[in-house]
Amino acid sequence: MTDHRGDLPLAGYDRLPVLAVRERIRSLPAEDVRRLLAYEENHADRLAVVTALQARLDQLTLGSPRE
């Protein structure tokens, strides 16, 4: 499997705690959130991070860009 860390929209993504991920994904477009979600699911697969990413993606796709 190819490592795509350099392609991720958040610098140092692998070292970010859940709260930092939640904060930083607020300004990302849906495409970037999808990229992070796919990366997370294929690497660390941290449940809390996957849940936060999916919730943000749901907000974006349902038309509620703000928390």
C-alpha atoms as a PDB file:
ATOM      1  CA  MET A   1       0.000   0.000   0.000  1.00  0.00           C
ATOM      2  CA  THR A   2       1.314   3.443  -0.931  1.00  0.00           C
ATOM      3  CA  ASP A   3       1.821   6.016   1.800  1.00  0.00           C
ATOM      4  CA  HIS A   4       0.003   9.252   0.888  1.00  0.00           C
ATOM      5  CA  ARG A   5       0.840  11.342   3.963  1.00  0.00           C
ATOM      6  CA  GLY A   6       2.373  14.069   1.815  1.00  0.00           C
ATOM      7  CA  ASP A   7      -0.918  14.399  -0.036  1.00  0.00           C
ATOM      8  CA  LEU A   8      -3.005  14.982   3.086  1.00  0.00           C
ATOM      9  CA  PRO A   9      -4.639  18.404   3.563  1.00  0.00           C
ATOM     10  CA  LEU A  10      -3.466  18.717   7.190  1.00  0.00           C
ATOM     11  CA  ALA A  11       0.227  18.892   8.011  1.00  0.00           C
ATOM     12  CA  GLY A  12       1.302  16.412  10.671  1.00  0.00           C
ATOM     13  CA  TYR A  13      -2.081  14.679  10.464  1.00  0.00           C
ATOM     14  CA  ASP A  14      -0.866  11.389  11.976  1.00  0.00           C
ATOM     15  CA  ARG A  15       0.250  13.164  15.154  1.00  0.00           C
ATOM     16  CA  LEU A  16      -2.925  15.214  15.683  1.00  0.00           C
ATOM     17  CA  PRO A  17      -5.117  14.305  18.647  1.00  0.00           C
ATOM     18  CA  VAL A  18      -8.853  13.939  18.077  1.00  0.00           C
ATOM     19  CA  LEU A  19      -9.704  17.429  19.355  1.00  0.00           C
ATOM     20  CA  ALA A  20      -7.196  19.022  16.986  1.00  0.00           C
ATOM     21  CA  VAL A  21      -8.577  17.042  14.047  1.00  0.00           C
ATOM     22  CA  ARG A  22     -12.118  18.178  14.904  1.00  0.00           C
ATOM     23  CA  GLU A  23     -10.993  21.802  15.050  1.00  0.00           C
ATOM     24  CA  ARG A  24      -8.939  21.766  11.870  1.00  0.00           C
ATOM     25  CA  ILE A  25     -11.431  19.970   9.634  1.00  0.00           C
ATOM     26  CA  ARG A  26     -14.018  22.744  10.097  1.00  0.00           C
ATOM     27  CA  SER A  27     -12.480  24.788   7.292  1.00  0.00           C
ATOM     28  CA  LEU A  28     -11.879  21.905   4.875  1.00  0.00           C
ATOM     29  CA  PRO A  29     -14.024  21.175   1.830  1.00  0.00           C
ATOM     30  CA  ALA A  30     -15.794  17.815   1.557  1.00  0.00           C
ATOM     31  CA  GLU A  31     -13.179  16.435  -0.843  1.00  0.00           C
ATOM     32  CA  ASP A  32     -10.388  16.956   1.700  1.00  0.00           C
ATOM     33  CA  VAL A  33     -12.460  15.432   4.498  1.00  0.00           C
ATOM     34  CA  ARG A  34     -13.079  12.383   2.281  1.00  0.00           C
ATOM     35  CA  ARG A  35      -9.328  12.053   1.665  1.00  0.00           C
ATOM     36  CA  LEU A  36      -8.622  12.181   5.391  1.00  0.00           C
ATOM     37  CA  LEU A  37     -11.388   9.691   6.132  1.00  0.00           C
ATOM     38  CA  ALA A  38     -10.060   7.212   3.565  1.00  0.00           C
ATOM     39  CA  TYR A  39      -6.517   7.628   4.897  1.00  0.00           C
ATOM     40  CA  GLU A  40      -7.632   7.208   8.512  1.00  0.00           C
ATOM     41  CA  GLU A  41      -9.669   4.095   7.757  1.00  0.00           C
ATOM     42  CA  ASN A  42      -6.707   2.519   5.946  1.00  0.00           C
ATOM     43  CA  HIS A  43      -4.090   3.430   8.545  1.00  0.00           C
ATOM     44  CA  ALA A  44      -4.635   4.143  12.246  1.00  0.00           C
ATOM     45  CA  ASP A  45      -8.431   3.693  12.033  1.00  0.00           C
ATOM     46  CA  ARG A  46      -8.999   5.634  15.267  1.00  0.00           C
ATOM     47  CA  LEU A  47     -12.710   5.299  15.998  1.00  0.00           C
ATOM     48  CA  ALA A  48     -13.077   8.808  17.450  1.00  0.00           C
ATOM     49  CA  VAL A  49     -11.316  10.368  14.445  1.00  0.00           C
ATOM     50  CA  VAL A  50     -13.337   8.339  11.922  1.00  0.00           C
ATOM     51  CA  THR A  51     -16.520   9.394  13.732  1.00  0.00           C
ATOM     52  CA  ALA A  52     -15.511  13.076  13.700  1.00  0.00           C
ATOM     53  CA  LEU A  53     -14.561  12.971  10.024  1.00  0.00           C
ATOM     54  CA  GLN A  54     -17.782  11.209   9.052  1.00  0.00           C
ATOM     55  CA  ALA A  55     -19.872  13.678  11.071  1.00  0.00           C
ATOM     56  CA  ARG A  56     -18.164  16.627   9.367  1.00  0.00           C
ATOM     57  CA  LEU A  57     -18.626  15.045   5.955  1.00  0.00           C
ATOM     58  CA  ASP A  58     -22.313  14.519   6.740  1.00  0.00           C
ATOM     59  CA  GLN A  59     -22.619  18.206   7.692  1.00  0.00           C
ATOM     60  CA  LEU A  60     -21.013  19.284   4.447  1.00  0.00           C
ATOM     61  CA  THR A  61     -23.045  17.001   2.221  1.00  0.00           C
ATOM     62  CA  LEU A  62     -26.323  17.841   3.963  1.00  0.00           C
ATOM     63  CA  GLY A  63     -25.707  21.572   3.568  1.00  0.00           C
ATOM     64  CA  SER A  64     -24.716  22.558   7.113  1.00  0.00           C
ATOM     65  CA  PRO A  65     -21.125  23.777   6.787  1.00  0.00           C
ATOM     66  CA  ARG A  66     -20.863  25.056  10.381  1.00  0.00           C
ATOM     67  CA  GLU A  67     -21.052  23.116  13.627  1.00  0.00           C
END
